[in-house]
PDB file of N, CA and C in Angstrom:
ATOM      1  N   UNK A   1     -70.133 -37.419  58.396  1.00  0.00           N
ATOM      2  CA  UNK A   1     -70.976 -38.208  59.266  1.00  0.00           C
ATOM      3  C   UNK A   1     -71.921 -39.052  58.425  1.00  0.00           C
ATOM      4  N   UNK A   2     -72.339 -40.134  59.003  1.00  0.00           N
ATOM      5  CA  UNK A   2     -73.255 -41.042  58.300  1.00  0.00           C
ATOM      6  C   UNK A   2     -74.685 -40.713  58.714  1.00  0.00           C
ATOM      7  N   UNK A   3     -75.550 -40.572  57.726  1.00  0.00           N
ATOM      8  CA  UNK A   3     -76.972 -40.374  57.970  1.00  0.00           C
ATOM      9  C   UNK A   3     -77.691 -41.643  57.552  1.00  0.00           C
ATOM     10  N   UNK A   4     -78.643 -42.064  58.383  1.00  0.00           N
ATOM     11  CA  UNK A   4     -79.421 -43.268  58.119  1.00  0.00           C
ATOM     12  C   UNK A   4     -80.893 -42.879  58.139  1.00  0.00           C
ATOM     13  N   UNK A   5     -81.650 -43.393  57.171  1.00  0.00           N
ATOM     14  CA  UNK A   5     -83.070 -43.054  57.048  1.00  0.00           C
ATOM     15  C   UNK A   5     -83.917 -44.305  57.166  1.00  0.00           C
ATOM     16  N   UNK A   6     -85.038 -44.192  57.886  1.00  0.00           N
ATOM     17  CA  UNK A   6     -85.928 -45.324  58.110  1.00  0.00           C
ATOM     18  C   UNK A   6     -87.355 -45.022  57.657  1.00  0.00           C
ATOM     19  N   UNK A   7     -88.075 -46.082  57.301  1.00  0.00           N
ATOM     20  CA  UNK A   7     -89.508 -46.055  56.967  1.00  0.00           C
ATOM     21  C   UNK A   7     -89.791 -45.031  55.870  1.00  0.00           C
ATOM     22  N   UNK A   8     -90.848 -44.206  56.046  1.00  0.00           N
ATOM     23  CA  UNK A   8     -91.220 -43.303  54.962  1.00  0.00           C
ATOM     24  C   UNK A   8     -90.208 -42.187  54.757  1.00  0.00           C
ATOM     25  N   UNK A   9     -89.370 -41.892  55.732  1.00  0.00           N
ATOM     26  CA  UNK A   9     -88.295 -40.917  55.509  1.00  0.00           C
ATOM     27  C   UNK A   9     -87.368 -41.464  54.420  1.00  0.00           C
ATOM     28  N   UNK A  10     -86.987 -42.731  54.550  1.00  0.00           N
ATOM     29  CA  UNK A  10     -86.144 -43.404  53.554  1.00  0.00           C
ATOM     30  C   UNK A  10     -86.831 -43.416  52.180  1.00  0.00           C
ATOM     31  N   UNK A  11     -88.097 -43.736  52.160  1.00  0.00           N
ATOM     32  CA  UNK A  11     -88.823 -43.823  50.894  1.00  0.00           C
ATOM     33  C   UNK A  11     -88.875 -42.480  50.175  1.00  0.00           C
ATOM     34  N   UNK A  12     -89.089 -41.412  50.911  1.00  0.00           N
ATOM     35  CA  UNK A  12     -89.178 -40.090  50.285  1.00  0.00           C
ATOM     36  C   UNK A  12     -87.826 -39.592  49.799  1.00  0.00           C
ATOM     37  N   UNK A  13     -86.776 -39.869  50.564  1.00  0.00           N
ATOM     38  CA  UNK A  13     -85.441 -39.437  50.164  1.00  0.00           C
ATOM     39  C   UNK A  13     -84.887 -40.334  49.066  1.00  0.00           C
ATOM     40  N   UNK A  14     -85.223 -41.619  49.137  1.00  0.00           N
ATOM     41  CA  UNK A  14     -84.747 -42.554  48.132  1.00  0.00           C
ATOM     42  C   UNK A  14     -83.407 -43.188  48.465  1.00  0.00           C
ATOM     43  N   UNK A  15     -82.976 -43.030  49.705  1.00  0.00           N
ATOM     44  CA  UNK A  15     -81.714 -43.607  50.162  1.00  0.00           C
ATOM     45  C   UNK A  15     -81.896 -44.279  51.509  1.00  0.00           C
ATOM     46  N   UNK A  16     -81.143 -45.335  51.743  1.00  0.00           N
ATOM     47  CA  UNK A  16     -81.123 -45.973  53.057  1.00  0.00           C
ATOM     48  C   UNK A  16     -80.176 -45.220  53.977  1.00  0.00           C
ATOM     49  N   UNK A  17     -79.040 -44.812  53.428  1.00  0.00           N
ATOM     50  CA  UNK A  17     -78.046 -44.071  54.204  1.00  0.00           C
ATOM     51  C   UNK A  17     -77.134 -43.321  53.243  1.00  0.00           C
ATOM     52  N   UNK A  18     -76.358 -42.407  53.798  1.00  0.00           N
ATOM     53  CA  UNK A  18     -75.375 -41.658  53.024  1.00  0.00           C
ATOM     54  C   UNK A  18     -74.373 -41.027  53.975  1.00  0.00           C
ATOM     55  N   UNK A  19     -73.210 -40.710  53.439  1.00  0.00           N
ATOM     56  CA  UNK A  19     -72.197 -39.996  54.211  1.00  0.00           C
ATOM     57  C   UNK A  19     -72.156 -38.569  53.707  1.00  0.00           C
ATOM     58  N   UNK A  20     -72.244 -37.608  54.633  1.00  0.00           N
ATOM     59  CA  UNK A  20     -72.291 -36.191  54.263  1.00  0.00           C
ATOM     60  C   UNK A  20     -71.296 -35.391  55.101  1.00  0.00           C
ATOM     61  N   UNK A  21     -70.967 -34.237  54.586  1.00  0.00           N
ATOM     62  CA  UNK A  21     -70.198 -33.249  55.326  1.00  0.00           C
ATOM     63  C   UNK A  21     -71.030 -31.972  55.311  1.00  0.00           C
ATOM     64  N   UNK A  22     -71.779 -31.718  56.385  1.00  0.00           N
ATOM     65  CA  UNK A  22     -72.625 -30.524  56.416  1.00  0.00           C
ATOM     66  C   UNK A  22     -71.773 -29.255  56.364  1.00  0.00           C
ATOM     67  N   UNK A  23     -72.353 -28.171  55.867  1.00  0.00           N
ATOM     68  CA  UNK A  23     -71.599 -26.918  55.795  1.00  0.00           C
ATOM     69  C   UNK A  23     -71.291 -26.357  57.181  1.00  0.00           C
ATOM     70  N   UNK A  24     -70.287 -25.499  57.236  1.00  0.00           N
ATOM     71  CA  UNK A  24     -69.939 -24.817  58.484  1.00  0.00           C
ATOM     72  C   UNK A  24     -71.182 -24.130  59.049  1.00  0.00           C
ATOM     73  N   UNK A  25     -71.302 -24.133  60.348  1.00  0.00           N
ATOM     74  CA  UNK A  25     -72.448 -23.504  60.994  1.00  0.00           C
ATOM     75  C   UNK A  25     -73.598 -24.459  61.239  1.00  0.00           C
ATOM     76  N   UNK A  26     -73.498 -25.676  60.741  1.00  0.00           N
ATOM     77  CA  UNK A  26     -74.524 -26.693  60.977  1.00  0.00           C
ATOM     78  C   UNK A  26     -74.153 -27.389  62.280  1.00  0.00           C
ATOM     79  N   UNK A  27     -74.779 -26.963  63.374  1.00  0.00           N
ATOM     80  CA  UNK A  27     -74.344 -27.443  64.688  1.00  0.00           C
ATOM     81  C   UNK A  27     -75.381 -28.246  65.456  1.00  0.00           C
ATOM     82  N   UNK A  28     -76.635 -28.198  65.017  1.00  0.00           N
ATOM     83  CA  UNK A  28     -77.698 -28.915  65.728  1.00  0.00           C
ATOM     84  C   UNK A  28     -78.467 -29.816  64.762  1.00  0.00           C
ATOM     85  N   UNK A  29     -79.288 -30.680  65.319  1.00  0.00           N
ATOM     86  CA  UNK A  29     -80.153 -31.522  64.493  1.00  0.00           C
ATOM     87  C   UNK A  29     -81.038 -30.639  63.611  1.00  0.00           C
ATOM     88  N   UNK A  30     -81.602 -29.586  64.177  1.00  0.00           N
ATOM     89  CA  UNK A  30     -82.472 -28.687  63.404  1.00  0.00           C
ATOM     90  C   UNK A  30     -81.712 -28.032  62.255  1.00  0.00           C
ATOM     91  N   UNK A  31     -80.466 -27.607  62.497  1.00  0.00           N
ATOM     92  CA  UNK A  31     -79.643 -27.030  61.426  1.00  0.00           C
ATOM     93  C   UNK A  31     -79.428 -28.056  60.315  1.00  0.00           C
ATOM     94  N   UNK A  32     -79.142 -29.299  60.709  1.00  0.00           N
ATOM     95  CA  UNK A  32     -78.901 -30.363  59.741  1.00  0.00           C
ATOM     96  C   UNK A  32     -80.142 -30.604  58.880  1.00  0.00           C
ATOM     97  N   UNK A  33     -81.291 -30.642  59.514  1.00  0.00           N
ATOM     98  CA  UNK A  33     -82.542 -30.852  58.781  1.00  0.00           C
ATOM     99  C   UNK A  33     -82.780 -29.698  57.802  1.00  0.00           C
ATOM    100  N   UNK A  34     -82.556 -28.490  58.247  1.00  0.00           N
ATOM    101  CA  UNK A  34     -82.743 -27.334  57.343  1.00  0.00           C
ATOM    102  C   UNK A  34     -81.805 -27.436  56.137  1.00  0.00           C
ATOM    103  N   UNK A  35     -80.570 -27.854  56.360  1.00  0.00           N
ATOM    104  CA  UNK A  35     -79.628 -28.018  55.257  1.00  0.00           C
ATOM    105  C   UNK A  35     -80.061 -29.153  54.330  1.00  0.00           C
ATOM    106  N   UNK A  36     -80.477 -30.269  54.915  1.00  0.00           N
ATOM    107  CA  UNK A  36     -80.911 -31.402  54.096  1.00  0.00           C
ATOM    108  C   UNK A  36     -82.065 -31.004  53.179  1.00  0.00           C
ATOM    109  N   UNK A  37     -82.975 -30.189  53.677  1.00  0.00           N
ATOM    110  CA  UNK A  37     -84.125 -29.766  52.872  1.00  0.00           C
ATOM    111  C   UNK A  37     -83.715 -28.990  51.629  1.00  0.00           C
ATOM    112  N   UNK A  38     -82.512 -28.436  51.621  1.00  0.00           N
ATOM    113  CA  UNK A  38     -82.034 -27.694  50.451  1.00  0.00           C
ATOM    114  C   UNK A  38     -81.439 -28.622  49.397  1.00  0.00           C
ATOM    115  N   UNK A  39     -81.341 -29.918  49.693  1.00  0.00           N
ATOM    116  CA  UNK A  39     -80.654 -30.860  48.804  1.00  0.00           C
ATOM    117  C   UNK A  39     -81.565 -31.519  47.772  1.00  0.00           C
ATOM    118  N   UNK A  40     -82.836 -31.170  47.773  1.00  0.00           N
ATOM    119  CA  UNK A  40     -83.704 -31.715  46.735  1.00  0.00           C
ATOM    120  C   UNK A  40     -85.111 -32.001  47.222  1.00  0.00           C
ATOM    121  N   UNK A  41     -85.955 -32.323  46.249  1.00  0.00           N
ATOM    122  CA  UNK A  41     -87.385 -32.521  46.519  1.00  0.00           C
ATOM    123  C   UNK A  41     -87.656 -33.659  47.496  1.00  0.00           C
ATOM    124  N   UNK A  42     -86.928 -34.763  47.385  1.00  0.00           N
ATOM    125  CA  UNK A  42     -87.141 -35.884  48.294  1.00  0.00           C
ATOM    126  C   UNK A  42     -86.885 -35.507  49.737  1.00  0.00           C
ATOM    127  N   UNK A  43     -85.836 -34.728  49.961  1.00  0.00           N
ATOM    128  CA  UNK A  43     -85.525 -34.262  51.312  1.00  0.00           C
ATOM    129  C   UNK A  43     -86.597 -33.294  51.801  1.00  0.00           C
ATOM    130  N   UNK A  44     -87.031 -32.407  50.908  1.00  0.00           N
ATOM    131  CA  UNK A  44     -88.097 -31.465  51.275  1.00  0.00           C
ATOM    132  C   UNK A  44     -89.349 -32.213  51.717  1.00  0.00           C
ATOM    133  N   UNK A  45     -89.722 -33.249  50.968  1.00  0.00           N
ATOM    134  CA  UNK A  45     -90.903 -34.039  51.322  1.00  0.00           C
ATOM    135  C   UNK A  45     -90.710 -34.781  52.647  1.00  0.00           C
ATOM    136  N   UNK A  46     -89.534 -35.360  52.831  1.00  0.00           N
ATOM    137  CA  UNK A  46     -89.273 -36.130  54.046  1.00  0.00           C
ATOM    138  C   UNK A  46     -89.336 -35.252  55.293  1.00  0.00           C
ATOM    139  N   UNK A  47     -88.863 -34.015  55.181  1.00  0.00           N
ATOM    140  CA  UNK A  47     -88.782 -33.135  56.343  1.00  0.00           C
ATOM    141  C   UNK A  47     -89.767 -31.973  56.271  1.00  0.00           C
ATOM    142  N   UNK A  48     -90.839 -32.127  55.471  1.00  0.00           N
ATOM    143  CA  UNK A  48     -91.781 -31.015  55.322  1.00  0.00           C
ATOM    144  C   UNK A  48     -92.410 -30.614  56.645  1.00  0.00           C
ATOM    145  N   UNK A  49     -92.627 -31.547  57.538  1.00  0.00           N
ATOM    146  CA  UNK A  49     -93.113 -31.239  58.882  1.00  0.00           C
ATOM    147  C   UNK A  49     -92.019 -31.676  59.855  1.00  0.00           C
ATOM    148  N   UNK A  50     -91.107 -30.769  60.134  1.00  0.00           N
ATOM    149  CA  UNK A  50     -89.940 -31.090  60.938  1.00  0.00           C
ATOM    150  C   UNK A  50     -90.289 -31.603  62.331  1.00  0.00           C
ATOM    151  N   UNK A  51     -91.442 -31.216  62.859  1.00  0.00           N
ATOM    152  CA  UNK A  51     -91.831 -31.630  64.212  1.00  0.00           C
ATOM    153  C   UNK A  51     -92.175 -33.114  64.291  1.00  0.00           C
ATOM    154  N   UNK A  52     -92.454 -33.744  63.147  1.00  0.00           N
ATOM    155  CA  UNK A  52     -92.851 -35.156  63.159  1.00  0.00           C
ATOM    156  C   UNK A  52     -91.638 -36.084  63.127  1.00  0.00           C
ATOM    157  N   UNK A  53     -90.646 -35.759  62.311  1.00  0.00           N
ATOM    158  CA  UNK A  53     -89.496 -36.647  62.134  1.00  0.00           C
ATOM    159  C   UNK A  53     -88.639 -36.651  63.396  1.00  0.00           C
ATOM    160  N   UNK A  54     -88.261 -37.843  63.823  1.00  0.00           N
ATOM    161  CA  UNK A  54     -87.421 -38.027  65.005  1.00  0.00           C
ATOM    162  C   UNK A  54     -85.984 -38.263  64.572  1.00  0.00           C
ATOM    163  N   UNK A  55     -85.051 -37.996  65.499  1.00  0.00           N
ATOM    164  CA  UNK A  55     -83.634 -38.206  65.225  1.00  0.00           C
ATOM    165  C   UNK A  55     -82.977 -38.950  66.372  1.00  0.00           C
ATOM    166  N   UNK A  56     -81.926 -39.669  66.038  1.00  0.00           N
ATOM    167  CA  UNK A  56     -81.081 -40.311  67.045  1.00  0.00           C
ATOM    168  C   UNK A  56     -79.637 -40.073  66.650  1.00  0.00           C
ATOM    169  N   UNK A  57     -78.851 -39.631  67.619  1.00  0.00           N
ATOM    170  CA  UNK A  57     -77.423 -39.415  67.394  1.00  0.00           C
ATOM    171  C   UNK A  57     -76.678 -40.560  68.050  1.00  0.00           C
ATOM    172  N   UNK A  58     -75.920 -41.293  67.258  1.00  0.00           N
ATOM    173  CA  UNK A  58     -75.179 -42.456  67.749  1.00  0.00           C
ATOM    174  C   UNK A  58     -76.072 -43.349  68.615  1.00  0.00           C
ATOM    175  N   UNK A  59     -77.290 -43.585  68.108  1.00  0.00           N
ATOM    176  CA  UNK A  59     -78.297 -44.488  68.669  1.00  0.00           C
ATOM    177  C   UNK A  59     -78.919 -43.999  69.977  1.00  0.00           C
ATOM    178  N   UNK A  60     -78.865 -42.674  70.209  1.00  0.00           N
ATOM    179  CA  UNK A  60     -79.528 -42.071  71.361  1.00  0.00           C
ATOM    180  C   UNK A  60     -80.487 -41.008  70.846  1.00  0.00           C
ATOM    181  N   UNK A  61     -81.757 -41.082  71.246  1.00  0.00           N
ATOM    182  CA  UNK A  61     -82.747 -40.106  70.793  1.00  0.00           C
ATOM    183  C   UNK A  61     -82.243 -38.691  71.047  1.00  0.00           C
ATOM    184  N   UNK A  62     -82.536 -37.803  70.092  1.00  0.00           N
ATOM    185  CA  UNK A  62     -82.058 -36.426  70.170  1.00  0.00           C
ATOM    186  C   UNK A  62     -83.161 -35.459  69.780  1.00  0.00           C
ATOM    187  N   UNK A  63     -83.190 -34.328  70.455  1.00  0.00           N
ATOM    188  CA  UNK A  63     -84.140 -33.259  70.148  1.00  0.00           C
ATOM    189  C   UNK A  63     -83.547 -32.345  69.080  1.00  0.00           C
ATOM    190  N   UNK A  64     -84.377 -31.519  68.450  1.00  0.00           N
ATOM    191  CA  UNK A  64     -83.878 -30.637  67.386  1.00  0.00           C
ATOM    192  C   UNK A  64     -82.722 -29.731  67.823  1.00  0.00           C
ATOM    193  N   UNK A  65     -82.694 -29.304  69.070  1.00  0.00           N
ATOM    194  CA  UNK A  65     -81.638 -28.400  69.543  1.00  0.00           C
ATOM    195  C   UNK A  65     -80.360 -29.120  69.964  1.00  0.00           C
ATOM    196  N   UNK A  66     -80.345 -30.453  69.871  1.00  0.00           N
ATOM    197  CA  UNK A  66     -79.179 -31.224  70.274  1.00  0.00           C
ATOM    198  C   UNK A  66     -78.009 -30.992  69.320  1.00  0.00           C
ATOM    199  N   UNK A  67     -76.830 -30.824  69.887  1.00  0.00           N
ATOM    200  CA  UNK A  67     -75.618 -30.619  69.090  1.00  0.00           C
ATOM    201  C   UNK A  67     -75.266 -31.887  68.314  1.00  0.00           C
ATOM    202  N   UNK A  68     -74.813 -31.695  67.080  1.00  0.00           N
ATOM    203  CA  UNK A  68     -74.359 -32.823  66.262  1.00  0.00           C
ATOM    204  C   UNK A  68     -72.828 -32.886  66.211  1.00  0.00           C
ATOM    205  N   UNK A  69     -72.170 -32.017  66.939  1.00  0.00           N
ATOM    206  CA  UNK A  69     -70.705 -31.991  66.956  1.00  0.00           C
ATOM    207  C   UNK A  69     -70.171 -33.339  67.423  1.00  0.00           C
ATOM    208  N   UNK A  70     -69.311 -33.917  66.642  1.00  0.00           N
ATOM    209  CA  UNK A  70     -68.697 -35.191  66.990  1.00  0.00           C
ATOM    210  C   UNK A  70     -69.548 -36.417  66.701  1.00  0.00           C
ATOM    211  N   UNK A  71     -70.748 -36.229  66.150  1.00  0.00           N
ATOM    212  CA  UNK A  71     -71.632 -37.369  65.849  1.00  0.00           C
ATOM    213  C   UNK A  71     -71.034 -38.215  64.738  1.00  0.00           C
ATOM    214  N   UNK A  72     -71.092 -39.515  64.915  1.00  0.00           N
ATOM    215  CA  UNK A  72     -70.648 -40.441  63.867  1.00  0.00           C
ATOM    216  C   UNK A  72     -71.826 -40.837  62.984  1.00  0.00           C
ATOM    217  N   UNK A  73     -73.013 -40.999  63.608  1.00  0.00           N
ATOM    218  CA  UNK A  73     -74.195 -41.435  62.871  1.00  0.00           C
ATOM    219  C   UNK A  73     -75.420 -40.706  63.395  1.00  0.00           C
ATOM    220  N   UNK A  74     -76.237 -40.240  62.466  1.00  0.00           N
ATOM    221  CA  UNK A  74     -77.517 -39.632  62.821  1.00  0.00           C
ATOM    222  C   UNK A  74     -78.590 -40.348  62.025  1.00  0.00           C
ATOM    223  N   UNK A  75     -79.577 -40.863  62.731  1.00  0.00           N
ATOM    224  CA  UNK A  75     -80.683 -41.572  62.098  1.00  0.00           C
ATOM    225  C   UNK A  75     -81.933 -40.707  62.150  1.00  0.00           C
ATOM    226  N   UNK A  76     -82.719 -40.765  61.085  1.00  0.00           N
ATOM    227  CA  UNK A  76     -83.995 -40.063  61.027  1.00  0.00           C
ATOM    228  C   UNK A  76     -85.089 -41.081  60.779  1.00  0.00           C
ATOM    229  N   UNK A  77     -86.203 -40.932  61.512  1.00  0.00           N
ATOM    230  CA  UNK A  77     -87.280 -41.905  61.427  1.00  0.00           C
ATOM    231  C   UNK A  77     -88.585 -41.258  61.861  1.00  0.00           C
ATOM    232  N   UNK A  78     -89.728 -41.818  61.428  1.00  0.00           N
ATOM    233  CA  UNK A  78     -91.023 -41.288  61.853  1.00  0.00           C
ATOM    234  C   UNK A  78     -91.303 -41.680  63.292  1.00  0.00           C
ATOM    235  N   UNK A  79     -92.320 -41.050  63.897  1.00  0.00           N
ATOM    236  CA  UNK A  79     -92.689 -41.447  65.264  1.00  0.00           C
ATOM    237  C   UNK A  79     -93.036 -42.918  65.321  1.00  0.00           C
ATOM    238  N   UNK A  80     -92.749 -43.519  66.439  1.00  0.00           N
ATOM    239  CA  UNK A  80     -93.029 -44.950  66.617  1.00  0.00           C
ATOM    240  C   UNK A  80     -94.122 -45.127  67.669  1.00  0.00           C
ATOM    241  N   UNK A  81     -94.839 -46.199  67.528  1.00  0.00           N
ATOM    242  CA  UNK A  81     -95.824 -46.550  68.541  1.00  0.00           C
ATOM    243  C   UNK A  81     -95.444 -47.887  69.147  1.00  0.00           C
ATOM    244  N   UNK A  82     -95.796 -48.068  70.365  1.00  0.00           N
ATOM    245  CA  UNK A  82     -95.468 -49.319  71.052  1.00  0.00           C
ATOM    246  C   UNK A  82     -96.596 -50.332  70.908  1.00  0.00           C
ATOM    247  N   UNK A  83     -96.291 -51.520  71.303  1.00  0.00           N
ATOM    248  CA  UNK A  83     -97.332 -52.542  71.179  1.00  0.00           C
ATOM    249  C   UNK A  83     -97.133 -53.645  72.161  1.00  0.00           C
TER     250      UNK A  83
END
């Protein structure tokens, strides 16, 4: 699956996007985030407060408990404000 990072999430990880194959048992957004945090310091910093970072699966907002099964793209981004 393709992961896309925006704003300070991208800056901390050091990548705009990447293609990954999460390990077996990674079935939700929260599972994916926990796995990503094991991949290095940049990921740990980006997801240090998991409640702040938002996710979208195939361009639809997703909660941490949302299944990632069959997802083509998952985006991670900080909270947004309207204007």
